Amino acid sequence: MKPPLYFCRHGQTEWNRIGRMQGKLDSPLTELGQAQAKRQGALLRAAIPDWSQVDILASPLGRVRQTVDFALGDVEGKIRFDDRLMEIDVGELTGKCRDAILQSDPRFDQAGYDGFWSAYFATKTGETWDQFFARMAEVADTIDRPTVIFAHGIVGFALRGLFKGLTPQDMPLQAGGQGCVFCIKDGVETILD
């Protein structure tokens, strides 16, 4: 059985707000995103009584670093930034707005495995599912005690799915969101909000 996982997606960014695909690029958190990060910090403090018993991992991308600063600025020394937690590389879609993305691949407007999930892994110059999944599985395999992870939406779908024993087809059917904490213990997820 895997140890408890607390997953936090970064707060809303300027590009999230306007529907621009970020991939491995960055934009700053909005005021709402800053408030979401502070809320995650409060939720984590209520859920974790002893921070010495918890590892904290985070994507090194700027929007996640900002989220971590707002959420857990007072425990920053314990945070390990891990390149494997970076968002999926969306190749030629990086920096494009939603309208252009939907013109190139309408699956981004559809839910589920055959919708946005498959579209993310179908770009000509981005990561494939096998490449992305290999790094997510590698991260999951290294977690051996309660861990807080701050990262990105697609990263969260995959890691949370691995911790819950989901198939790739079921991973995109999970709840998403910003400003909450996804807590997985013994394969069961609770959303702290």
Protein backbone atom coordinates (compact mmCIF):
# COMPACT_ATOMS: atom_id res chain seq x y z
CA MET A 1 0.00 0.00 0.00
CA LYS A 2 1.30 3.44 -0.90
CA PRO A 3 1.73 6.12 1.78
CA PRO A 4 -0.66 9.12 1.89
CA LEU A 5 -0.39 11.62 -0.95
CA TYR A 6 -1.53 15.25 -0.80
CA PHE A 7 -1.67 16.70 -4.31
CA CYS A 8 -2.06 20.43 -5.04
CA ARG A 9 -2.39 21.91 -8.50
CA HIS A 10 -0.88 25.39 -8.87
CA GLY A 11 -3.19 28.37 -8.49
CA GLN A 12 -4.88 30.07 -11.42
CA THR A 13 -2.44 31.88 -13.73
CA GLU A 14 -2.94 34.73 -16.17
CA TRP A 15 -2.74 32.21 -19.02
CA ASN A 16 -5.24 29.85 -17.32
CA ARG A 17 -7.64 32.78 -17.06
CA ILE A 18 -7.50 33.58 -20.78
CA GLY A 19 -7.30 29.98 -22.01
CA ARG A 20 -3.68 29.99 -23.23
CA MET A 21 -1.82 26.66 -23.16
CA GLN A 22 1.22 26.89 -20.89
CA GLY A 23 2.95 23.54 -21.09
CA LYS A 24 6.46 24.21 -19.83
CA LEU A 25 6.18 27.99 -20.25
CA ASP A 26 4.91 30.18 -17.45
CA SER A 27 2.69 33.06 -16.53
CA PRO A 28 2.18 34.60 -13.08
CA LEU A 29 -0.57 33.71 -10.65
CA THR A 30 -3.67 35.91 -10.70
CA GLU A 31 -5.05 37.37 -7.47
CA LEU A 32 -7.46 34.42 -7.44
CA GLY A 33 -4.51 32.05 -7.92
CA GLN A 34 -2.71 33.60 -4.96
CA ALA A 35 -5.83 33.17 -2.81
CA GLN A 36 -6.17 29.56 -3.98
CA ALA A 37 -2.57 28.86 -2.95
CA LYS A 38 -3.09 30.40 0.49
CA ARG A 39 -6.21 28.26 0.88
CA GLN A 40 -4.21 25.13 0.01
CA GLY A 41 -1.67 26.07 2.68
CA ALA A 42 -4.42 26.39 5.30
CA LEU A 43 -5.95 23.05 4.25
CA LEU A 44 -2.57 21.31 4.43
CA ARG A 45 -1.79 22.75 7.86
CA ALA A 46 -5.14 21.45 9.15
CA ALA A 47 -4.50 17.98 7.67
CA ILE A 48 -0.82 17.52 8.57
CA PRO A 49 0.00 17.76 12.27
CA ASP A 50 3.74 17.04 12.01
CA TRP A 51 5.62 18.42 9.00
CA SER A 52 8.77 16.52 9.99
CA GLN A 53 6.98 13.32 8.92
CA VAL A 54 6.14 14.59 5.41
CA ASP A 55 8.14 15.05 2.22
CA ILE A 56 7.31 18.02 0.00
CA LEU A 57 7.98 17.79 -3.74
CA ALA A 58 7.21 20.38 -6.39
CA SER A 59 7.57 21.15 -10.06
CA PRO A 60 10.30 23.74 -10.65
CA LEU A 61 8.15 25.82 -13.02
CA GLY A 62 7.44 29.39 -11.91
CA ARG A 63 3.68 29.07 -11.41
CA VAL A 64 4.23 26.18 -9.02
CA ARG A 65 7.05 27.96 -7.21
CA GLN A 66 4.73 30.94 -6.70
CA THR A 67 1.98 28.64 -5.41
CA VAL A 68 4.38 26.99 -2.97
CA ASP A 69 5.56 30.39 -1.72
CA PHE A 70 1.99 31.50 -0.99
CA ALA A 71 0.95 28.13 0.46
CA LEU A 72 4.00 27.04 2.44
CA GLY A 73 6.48 29.91 2.51
CA ASP A 74 7.41 29.13 6.11
CA VAL A 75 8.45 25.54 5.33
CA GLU A 76 10.28 26.27 2.07
CA GLY A 77 13.55 24.72 3.23
CA LYS A 78 11.92 21.28 3.15
CA ILE A 79 10.72 21.55 -0.44
CA ARG A 80 12.49 19.57 -3.15
CA PHE A 81 11.93 20.76 -6.70
CA ASP A 82 11.84 17.85 -9.14
CA ASP A 83 12.00 18.25 -12.94
CA ARG A 84 9.96 15.05 -13.36
CA LEU A 85 6.95 16.95 -11.96
CA MET A 86 6.95 19.55 -14.76
CA GLU A 87 3.79 19.84 -16.83
CA ILE A 88 3.47 17.82 -20.01
CA ASP A 89 5.31 19.28 -22.99
CA VAL A 90 2.50 20.21 -25.40
CA GLY A 91 4.89 20.97 -28.26
CA GLU A 92 3.46 23.17 -30.98
CA LEU A 93 0.42 24.05 -28.83
CA THR A 94 2.57 25.87 -26.26
CA GLY A 95 1.47 29.49 -25.96
CA LYS A 96 -1.62 29.08 -28.16
CA CYS A 97 -5.07 30.23 -27.08
CA ARG A 98 -8.07 27.94 -26.68
CA ASP A 99 -9.74 28.95 -29.97
CA ALA A 100 -6.65 28.08 -32.01
CA ILE A 101 -6.17 24.87 -30.04
CA LEU A 102 -9.76 23.76 -30.70
CA GLN A 103 -9.31 24.45 -34.41
CA SER A 104 -6.24 22.23 -34.49
CA ASP A 105 -7.80 19.47 -32.36
CA PRO A 106 -11.45 19.64 -31.23
CA ARG A 107 -10.86 16.79 -28.78
CA PHE A 108 -9.57 19.40 -26.31
CA ASP A 109 -13.21 20.42 -25.83
CA GLN A 110 -14.33 16.86 -25.05
CA ALA A 111 -14.13 15.07 -21.73
CA GLY A 112 -12.48 11.75 -21.07
CA TYR A 113 -9.85 9.45 -22.47
CA ASP A 114 -10.87 9.93 -26.11
CA GLY A 115 -11.24 13.67 -25.59
CA PHE A 116 -8.75 16.10 -24.07
CA TRP A 117 -6.62 13.31 -22.60
CA SER A 118 -5.73 11.75 -25.97
CA ALA A 119 -5.35 15.20 -27.52
CA TYR A 120 -2.65 16.15 -25.01
CA PHE A 121 -0.55 13.21 -26.13
CA ALA A 122 -1.14 13.63 -29.87
CA THR A 123 0.92 16.75 -30.56
CA LYS A 124 3.62 16.39 -33.20
CA THR A 125 6.42 17.91 -31.13
CA GLY A 126 5.27 17.31 -27.52
CA GLU A 127 5.58 14.39 -25.14
CA THR A 128 4.01 11.05 -25.89
CA TRP A 129 1.93 9.16 -23.33
CA ASP A 130 4.78 6.66 -22.84
CA GLN A 131 7.32 9.42 -22.14
CA PHE A 132 5.01 11.25 -19.77
CA PHE A 133 3.77 8.13 -17.97
CA ALA A 134 7.34 6.85 -17.46
CA ARG A 135 8.30 9.94 -15.48
CA MET A 136 5.04 9.88 -13.47
CA ALA A 137 5.56 6.21 -12.60
CA GLU A 138 9.15 6.96 -11.62
CA VAL A 139 7.98 9.66 -9.20
CA ALA A 140 5.26 7.43 -7.75
CA ASP A 141 7.74 4.60 -7.21
CA THR A 142 10.08 6.84 -5.17
CA ILE A 143 7.42 7.94 -2.67
CA ASP A 144 7.88 5.95 0.52
CA ARG A 145 6.32 8.18 3.20
CA PRO A 146 3.52 10.77 3.39
CA THR A 147 4.16 13.32 0.63
CA VAL A 148 2.79 16.67 -0.47
CA ILE A 149 3.17 17.38 -4.18
CA PHE A 150 2.63 20.75 -5.86
CA ALA A 151 2.47 20.44 -9.63
CA HIS A 152 0.18 20.71 -12.66
CA GLY A 153 -3.22 19.48 -13.80
CA ILE A 154 -2.24 16.62 -16.10
CA VAL A 155 0.52 15.58 -13.69
CA GLY A 156 -2.12 15.38 -10.98
CA PHE A 157 -4.48 13.25 -13.04
CA ALA A 158 -1.66 10.76 -13.66
CA LEU A 159 -0.12 10.64 -10.18
CA ARG A 160 -3.47 10.53 -8.41
CA GLY A 161 -4.55 7.80 -10.80
CA LEU A 162 -1.45 5.77 -10.04
CA PHE A 163 -2.03 6.11 -6.29
CA LYS A 164 -5.65 5.01 -6.72
CA GLY A 165 -4.83 2.12 -9.07
CA LEU A 166 -6.71 3.59 -12.04
CA THR A 167 -6.24 2.64 -15.67
CA PRO A 168 -5.10 5.33 -18.13
CA GLN A 169 -8.68 5.35 -19.47
CA ASP A 170 -10.05 6.23 -16.01
CA MET A 171 -7.41 8.85 -15.11
CA PRO A 172 -9.03 11.76 -17.00
CA LEU A 173 -12.40 11.04 -15.37
CA GLN A 174 -11.17 12.26 -11.97
CA ALA A 175 -12.20 15.58 -10.49
CA GLY A 176 -9.84 18.45 -11.19
CA GLY A 177 -9.48 21.89 -9.76
CA GLN A 178 -7.36 24.61 -8.25
CA GLY A 179 -7.37 25.82 -4.66
CA CYS A 180 -8.13 22.42 -3.13
CA VAL A 181 -6.02 19.51 -1.89
CA PHE A 182 -6.50 15.98 -3.22
CA CYS A 183 -5.72 13.61 -0.35
CA ILE A 184 -5.24 9.92 -1.15
CA LYS A 185 -4.96 7.40 1.68
CA ASP A 186 -5.15 3.64 1.14
CA GLY A 187 -6.24 4.17 -2.46
CA VAL A 188 -9.21 6.37 -1.52
CA GLU A 189 -9.30 10.04 -2.44
CA THR A 190 -10.83 12.83 -0.38
CA ILE A 191 -10.93 16.38 -1.72
CA LEU A 192 -10.10 18.93 0.97
CA ASP A 193 -11.80 22.19 0.08
